[in-house]
Amino acid sequence: MIVQSPHLEGTTLYFQYEVPNILHHVELSPQIPARQVFEGMAHAKRKTRKLRGHVSHGHGRIGKHRKHPGGRGKAGGQHHHRINRDKFHPGLFGKVGMRVFHLNKNHYYCPTVNVDRLWSLVPEPIKEQSSASKAPVIDCVKAGYFKVLGKGLLPKQPLIVKAKYFSHEAENKIKAAGGACILVA
């Protein structure tokens, strides 16, 4: 079909449009340009690059372009997905217990004991039984001390000391007496 453009009067330009079968009933008049009839047709692809930077991206007001949230995230966890949640994800919803906000734990807590006080941690019956061949075991952590320091003198009797930390001097003194230092986590 050949249509003369009404915008270009006095010229001999012609536009040729192939009319699809579905638009045979549309009559082209000189008052309506032919391109206006075909502008509303569907595109194969949207021009998504033009919509970048616009929040709604062509879907209207924010929050309006929605699908069903029935299977997304925690949706329905207390309603229509409750059986699945109770069976496979117990404790997903709700709060448990309390958190003490004002409690500041001392992360550097490390009580110390010196070498000269180690024998005072040994009970009396074990002191009497200990000899040069049988060394008593002293667990400093059970007694409330984490680190053994090297101040003072040890008797020349061996002993096995368990602690989290040993100073270099304490370790040398215990080993010189014939004992052993065991690190405990």
C-alpha atoms as a PDB file:
ATOM      1  CA  MET A   1       0.000   0.000   0.000  1.00  0.00           C
ATOM      2  CA  ILE A   2       1.390   3.401  -0.855  1.00  0.00           C
ATOM      3  CA  VAL A   3       0.385   6.354   1.304  1.00  0.00           C
ATOM      4  CA  GLN A   4       1.200   9.968   0.641  1.00  0.00           C
ATOM      5  CA  SER A   5       2.437  11.779   3.757  1.00  0.00           C
ATOM      6  CA  PRO A   6       0.169  14.718   4.673  1.00  0.00           C
ATOM      7  CA  HIS A   7       3.057  16.480   6.474  1.00  0.00           C
ATOM      8  CA  LEU A   8       5.039  16.917   3.323  1.00  0.00           C
ATOM      9  CA  GLU A   9       2.563  18.717   1.095  1.00  0.00           C
ATOM     10  CA  GLY A  10       3.868  19.837  -2.222  1.00  0.00           C
ATOM     11  CA  THR A  11       6.587  17.178  -2.349  1.00  0.00           C
ATOM     12  CA  THR A  12       6.555  13.854  -4.080  1.00  0.00           C
ATOM     13  CA  LEU A  13       7.774  11.663  -1.176  1.00  0.00           C
ATOM     14  CA  TYR A  14       5.916   8.425  -0.671  1.00  0.00           C
ATOM     15  CA  PHE A  15       6.122   5.873   2.190  1.00  0.00           C
ATOM     16  CA  GLN A  16       5.448   2.226   1.701  1.00  0.00           C
ATOM     17  CA  TYR A  17       4.065   0.189   4.637  1.00  0.00           C
ATOM     18  CA  GLU A  18       3.143  -3.445   4.577  1.00  0.00           C
ATOM     19  CA  VAL A  19      -0.063  -3.747   6.536  1.00  0.00           C
ATOM     20  CA  PRO A  20      -0.324  -6.936   8.661  1.00  0.00           C
ATOM     21  CA  ASN A  21      -3.408  -9.118   8.280  1.00  0.00           C
ATOM     22  CA  ILE A  22      -4.816  -8.044  11.638  1.00  0.00           C
ATOM     23  CA  LEU A  23      -4.913  -4.371  10.648  1.00  0.00           C
ATOM     24  CA  HIS A  24      -6.811  -4.708   7.364  1.00  0.00           C
ATOM     25  CA  HIS A  25      -9.845  -2.990   8.872  1.00  0.00           C
ATOM     26  CA  VAL A  26      -7.847   0.209   9.608  1.00  0.00           C
ATOM     27  CA  GLU A  27      -8.393   2.793   6.963  1.00  0.00           C
ATOM     28  CA  LEU A  28      -5.574   5.248   6.492  1.00  0.00           C
ATOM     29  CA  SER A  29      -6.799   8.764   6.064  1.00  0.00           C
ATOM     30  CA  PRO A  30      -4.751  11.796   5.034  1.00  0.00           C
ATOM     31  CA  GLN A  31      -5.407  13.353   8.490  1.00  0.00           C
ATOM     32  CA  ILE A  32      -3.603  10.530  10.426  1.00  0.00           C
ATOM     33  CA  PRO A  33      -0.038   9.755   9.400  1.00  0.00           C
ATOM     34  CA  ALA A  34       0.537   6.101   8.636  1.00  0.00           C
ATOM     35  CA  ARG A  35       3.368   5.775  11.174  1.00  0.00           C
ATOM     36  CA  GLN A  36       0.978   6.618  14.074  1.00  0.00           C
ATOM     37  CA  VAL A  37      -1.100   3.550  13.311  1.00  0.00           C
ATOM     38  CA  PHE A  38       1.873   1.204  13.692  1.00  0.00           C
ATOM     39  CA  GLU A  39       3.690   2.877  16.639  1.00  0.00           C
ATOM     40  CA  GLY A  40       1.731   1.022  19.335  1.00  0.00           C
ATOM     41  CA  MET A  41       2.841  -2.416  18.206  1.00  0.00           C
ATOM     42  CA  ALA A  42       4.646  -4.762  20.607  1.00  0.00           C
ATOM     43  CA  HIS A  43       8.429  -4.795  20.604  1.00  0.00           C
ATOM     44  CA  ALA A  44      10.467  -7.956  20.639  1.00  0.00           C
ATOM     45  CA  LYS A  45      12.676  -6.494  23.391  1.00  0.00           C
ATOM     46  CA  ARG A  46      12.211  -3.673  25.865  1.00  0.00           C
ATOM     47  CA  LYS A  47      14.728  -0.872  25.846  1.00  0.00           C
ATOM     48  CA  THR A  48      16.061  -1.718  29.315  1.00  0.00           C
ATOM     49  CA  ARG A  49      19.130   0.491  28.973  1.00  0.00           C
ATOM     50  CA  LYS A  50      16.886   3.551  28.896  1.00  0.00           C
ATOM     51  CA  LEU A  51      15.323   2.546  32.215  1.00  0.00           C
ATOM     52  CA  ARG A  52      18.611   2.259  34.117  1.00  0.00           C
ATOM     53  CA  GLY A  53      18.814   4.824  36.879  1.00  0.00           C
ATOM     54  CA  HIS A  54      15.045   5.059  37.286  1.00  0.00           C
ATOM     55  CA  VAL A  55      13.910   3.394  40.479  1.00  0.00           C
ATOM     56  CA  SER A  56      10.654   1.895  39.274  1.00  0.00           C
ATOM     57  CA  HIS A  57      12.153   0.656  35.971  1.00  0.00           C
ATOM     58  CA  GLY A  58       8.825   1.047  34.226  1.00  0.00           C
ATOM     59  CA  HIS A  59       6.800  -0.890  36.804  1.00  0.00           C
ATOM     60  CA  GLY A  60       4.920   2.029  38.325  1.00  0.00           C
ATOM     61  CA  ARG A  61       5.052   3.096  41.943  1.00  0.00           C
ATOM     62  CA  ILE A  62       7.702   1.556  44.170  1.00  0.00           C
ATOM     63  CA  GLY A  63       6.487  -1.727  45.598  1.00  0.00           C
ATOM     64  CA  LYS A  64       3.738  -2.284  43.038  1.00  0.00           C
ATOM     65  CA  HIS A  65       5.522  -4.751  40.735  1.00  0.00           C
ATOM     66  CA  ARG A  66       5.169  -7.791  42.954  1.00  0.00           C
ATOM     67  CA  LYS A  67       4.864 -11.502  42.556  1.00  0.00           C
ATOM     68  CA  HIS A  68       3.520 -13.931  45.119  1.00  0.00           C
ATOM     69  CA  PRO A  69       5.957 -14.034  48.071  1.00  0.00           C
ATOM     70  CA  GLY A  70       4.678 -17.443  49.190  1.00  0.00           C
ATOM     71  CA  GLY A  71       7.971 -19.262  48.771  1.00  0.00           C
ATOM     72  CA  ARG A  72      10.476 -16.463  49.238  1.00  0.00           C
ATOM     73  CA  GLY A  73      12.573 -16.283  52.388  1.00  0.00           C
ATOM     74  CA  LYS A  74      10.680 -16.622  55.655  1.00  0.00           C
ATOM     75  CA  ALA A  75       7.278 -16.016  54.031  1.00  0.00           C
ATOM     76  CA  GLY A  76       4.612 -18.318  55.433  1.00  0.00           C
ATOM     77  CA  GLY A  77       6.946 -19.778  58.028  1.00  0.00           C
ATOM     78  CA  GLN A  78       4.320 -19.316  60.727  1.00  0.00           C
ATOM     79  CA  HIS A  79       1.370 -20.067  58.435  1.00  0.00           C
ATOM     80  CA  HIS A  80       1.247 -22.289  55.345  1.00  0.00           C
ATOM     81  CA  HIS A  81       4.880 -23.493  55.600  1.00  0.00           C
ATOM     82  CA  ARG A  82       4.652 -24.216  59.323  1.00  0.00           C
ATOM     83  CA  ILE A  83       5.015 -28.026  59.155  1.00  0.00           C
ATOM     84  CA  ASN A  84       8.187 -27.783  57.082  1.00  0.00           C
ATOM     85  CA  ARG A  85       9.594 -25.115  59.395  1.00  0.00           C
ATOM     86  CA  ASP A  86       8.800 -27.039  62.585  1.00  0.00           C
ATOM     87  CA  LYS A  87      10.290 -30.254  61.231  1.00  0.00           C
ATOM     88  CA  PHE A  88      13.431 -29.058  59.464  1.00  0.00           C
ATOM     89  CA  HIS A  89      14.112 -25.571  60.873  1.00  0.00           C
ATOM     90  CA  PRO A  90      13.202 -25.487  64.555  1.00  0.00           C
ATOM     91  CA  GLY A  91      14.095 -22.232  66.221  1.00  0.00           C
ATOM     92  CA  LEU A  92      13.966 -20.189  63.006  1.00  0.00           C
ATOM     93  CA  PHE A  93      11.385 -17.790  64.446  1.00  0.00           C
ATOM     94  CA  GLY A  94      11.274 -16.185  67.866  1.00  0.00           C
ATOM     95  CA  LYS A  95      13.766 -15.255  70.526  1.00  0.00           C
ATOM     96  CA  VAL A  96      15.391 -17.422  73.159  1.00  0.00           C
ATOM     97  CA  GLY A  97      16.775 -16.282  76.470  1.00  0.00           C
ATOM     98  CA  MET A  98      18.237 -12.928  77.345  1.00  0.00           C
ATOM     99  CA  ARG A  99      21.447 -11.149  76.583  1.00  0.00           C
ATOM    100  CA  VAL A 100      23.084  -9.259  79.440  1.00  0.00           C
ATOM    101  CA  PHE A 101      24.086  -6.012  77.752  1.00  0.00           C
ATOM    102  CA  HIS A 102      25.923  -4.476  80.681  1.00  0.00           C
ATOM    103  CA  LEU A 103      28.138  -7.520  81.359  1.00  0.00           C
ATOM    104  CA  ASN A 104      31.707  -6.888  80.225  1.00  0.00           C
ATOM    105  CA  LYS A 105      33.788 -10.034  80.325  1.00  0.00           C
ATOM    106  CA  ASN A 106      37.473  -9.630  81.064  1.00  0.00           C
ATOM    107  CA  HIS A 107      39.186 -11.197  78.062  1.00  0.00           C
ATOM    108  CA  TYR A 108      42.603 -10.652  79.633  1.00  0.00           C
ATOM    109  CA  TYR A 109      41.842 -12.503  82.908  1.00  0.00           C
ATOM    110  CA  CYS A 110      44.985 -14.431  83.834  1.00  0.00           C
ATOM    111  CA  PRO A 111      45.649 -14.983  87.563  1.00  0.00           C
ATOM    112  CA  THR A 112      49.276 -15.870  88.312  1.00  0.00           C
ATOM    113  CA  VAL A 113      51.165 -17.903  90.873  1.00  0.00           C
ATOM    114  CA  ASN A 114      54.899 -17.857  91.586  1.00  0.00           C
ATOM    115  CA  VAL A 115      57.183 -20.873  91.738  1.00  0.00           C
ATOM    116  CA  ASP A 116      57.786 -20.492  95.481  1.00  0.00           C
ATOM    117  CA  ARG A 117      54.033 -20.979  96.185  1.00  0.00           C
ATOM    118  CA  LEU A 118      53.606 -24.134  94.070  1.00  0.00           C
ATOM    119  CA  TRP A 119      54.211 -26.515  96.996  1.00  0.00           C
ATOM    120  CA  SER A 120      51.426 -24.820  98.960  1.00  0.00           C
ATOM    121  CA  LEU A 121      48.962 -26.036  96.286  1.00  0.00           C
ATOM    122  CA  VAL A 122      49.832 -29.685  97.021  1.00  0.00           C
ATOM    123  CA  PRO A 123      47.601 -31.324  99.681  1.00  0.00           C
ATOM    124  CA  GLU A 124      49.314 -32.634 102.861  1.00  0.00           C
ATOM    125  CA  PRO A 125      48.709 -36.395 102.281  1.00  0.00           C
ATOM    126  CA  ILE A 126      50.253 -36.175  98.794  1.00  0.00           C
ATOM    127  CA  LYS A 127      53.224 -34.191 100.146  1.00  0.00           C
ATOM    128  CA  GLU A 128      54.028 -37.010 102.597  1.00  0.00           C
ATOM    129  CA  GLN A 129      53.754 -39.711  99.905  1.00  0.00           C
ATOM    130  CA  SER A 130      55.885 -37.862  97.329  1.00  0.00           C
ATOM    131  CA  SER A 131      59.524 -38.822  97.047  1.00  0.00           C
ATOM    132  CA  ALA A 132      62.409 -38.271  94.647  1.00  0.00           C
ATOM    133  CA  SER A 133      61.126 -41.050  92.397  1.00  0.00           C
ATOM    134  CA  LYS A 134      57.416 -40.130  92.498  1.00  0.00           C
ATOM    135  CA  ALA A 135      56.565 -36.524  91.593  1.00  0.00           C
ATOM    136  CA  PRO A 136      53.219 -34.967  92.594  1.00  0.00           C
ATOM    137  CA  VAL A 137      50.992 -33.440  89.891  1.00  0.00           C
ATOM    138  CA  ILE A 138      49.866 -29.854  90.517  1.00  0.00           C
ATOM    139  CA  ASP A 139      46.944 -28.592  88.410  1.00  0.00           C
ATOM    140  CA  CYS A 140      47.192 -24.803  88.648  1.00  0.00           C
ATOM    141  CA  VAL A 141      44.023 -24.224  86.590  1.00  0.00           C
ATOM    142  CA  LYS A 142      41.941 -26.217  89.102  1.00  0.00           C
ATOM    143  CA  ALA A 143      43.494 -24.146  91.881  1.00  0.00           C
ATOM    144  CA  GLY A 144      42.452 -20.947  90.037  1.00  0.00           C
ATOM    145  CA  TYR A 145      45.789 -19.886  88.524  1.00  0.00           C
ATOM    146  CA  PHE A 146      46.439 -19.696  84.778  1.00  0.00           C
ATOM    147  CA  LYS A 147      50.087 -18.626  84.617  1.00  0.00           C
ATOM    148  CA  VAL A 148      53.175 -19.727  86.563  1.00  0.00           C
ATOM    149  CA  LEU A 149      55.846 -17.064  87.143  1.00  0.00           C
ATOM    150  CA  GLY A 150      59.469 -17.615  88.155  1.00  0.00           C
ATOM    151  CA  LYS A 151      59.859 -15.655  91.418  1.00  0.00           C
ATOM    152  CA  GLY A 152      61.316 -17.590  94.355  1.00  0.00           C
ATOM    153  CA  LEU A 153      63.038 -20.939  94.871  1.00  0.00           C
ATOM    154  CA  LEU A 154      61.866 -24.518  94.476  1.00  0.00           C
ATOM    155  CA  PRO A 155      63.015 -27.437  96.639  1.00  0.00           C
ATOM    156  CA  LYS A 156      65.162 -30.014  94.847  1.00  0.00           C
ATOM    157  CA  GLN A 157      62.208 -32.347  94.590  1.00  0.00           C
ATOM    158  CA  PRO A 158      60.610 -32.916  91.130  1.00  0.00           C
ATOM    159  CA  LEU A 159      56.997 -32.004  90.473  1.00  0.00           C
ATOM    160  CA  ILE A 160      54.702 -31.977  87.431  1.00  0.00           C
ATOM    161  CA  VAL A 161      52.923 -28.644  86.911  1.00  0.00           C
ATOM    162  CA  LYS A 162      49.874 -28.144  84.667  1.00  0.00           C
ATOM    163  CA  ALA A 163      49.026 -24.568  83.629  1.00  0.00           C
ATOM    164  CA  LYS A 164      47.899 -22.503  80.642  1.00  0.00           C
ATOM    165  CA  TYR A 165      51.046 -20.348  80.549  1.00  0.00           C
ATOM    166  CA  PHE A 166      54.587 -20.545  81.907  1.00  0.00           C
ATOM    167  CA  SER A 167      57.140 -17.779  82.034  1.00  0.00           C
ATOM    168  CA  HIS A 168      60.576 -18.652  80.663  1.00  0.00           C
ATOM    169  CA  GLU A 169      62.198 -18.424  84.098  1.00  0.00           C
ATOM    170  CA  ALA A 170      59.526 -20.588  85.769  1.00  0.00           C
ATOM    171  CA  GLU A 171      59.933 -23.280  83.130  1.00  0.00           C
ATOM    172  CA  ASN A 172      63.719 -23.345  83.637  1.00  0.00           C
ATOM    173  CA  LYS A 173      63.399 -23.616  87.447  1.00  0.00           C
ATOM    174  CA  ILE A 174      60.842 -26.454  87.306  1.00  0.00           C
ATOM    175  CA  LYS A 175      62.965 -28.421  84.812  1.00  0.00           C
ATOM    176  CA  ALA A 176      66.142 -27.798  86.846  1.00  0.00           C
ATOM    177  CA  ALA A 177      64.419 -29.420  89.851  1.00  0.00           C
ATOM    178  CA  GLY A 178      63.686 -32.497  87.699  1.00  0.00           C
ATOM    179  CA  GLY A 179      60.023 -31.709  87.068  1.00  0.00           C
ATOM    180  CA  ALA A 180      57.941 -31.094  83.955  1.00  0.00           C
ATOM    181  CA  CYS A 181      55.710 -28.311  82.591  1.00  0.00           C
ATOM    182  CA  ILE A 182      52.475 -29.383  80.879  1.00  0.00           C
ATOM    183  CA  LEU A 183      50.406 -26.854  78.920  1.00  0.00           C
ATOM    184  CA  VAL A 184      46.649 -27.132  79.419  1.00  0.00           C
ATOM    185  CA  ALA A 185      44.125 -25.540  77.066  1.00  0.00           C
END
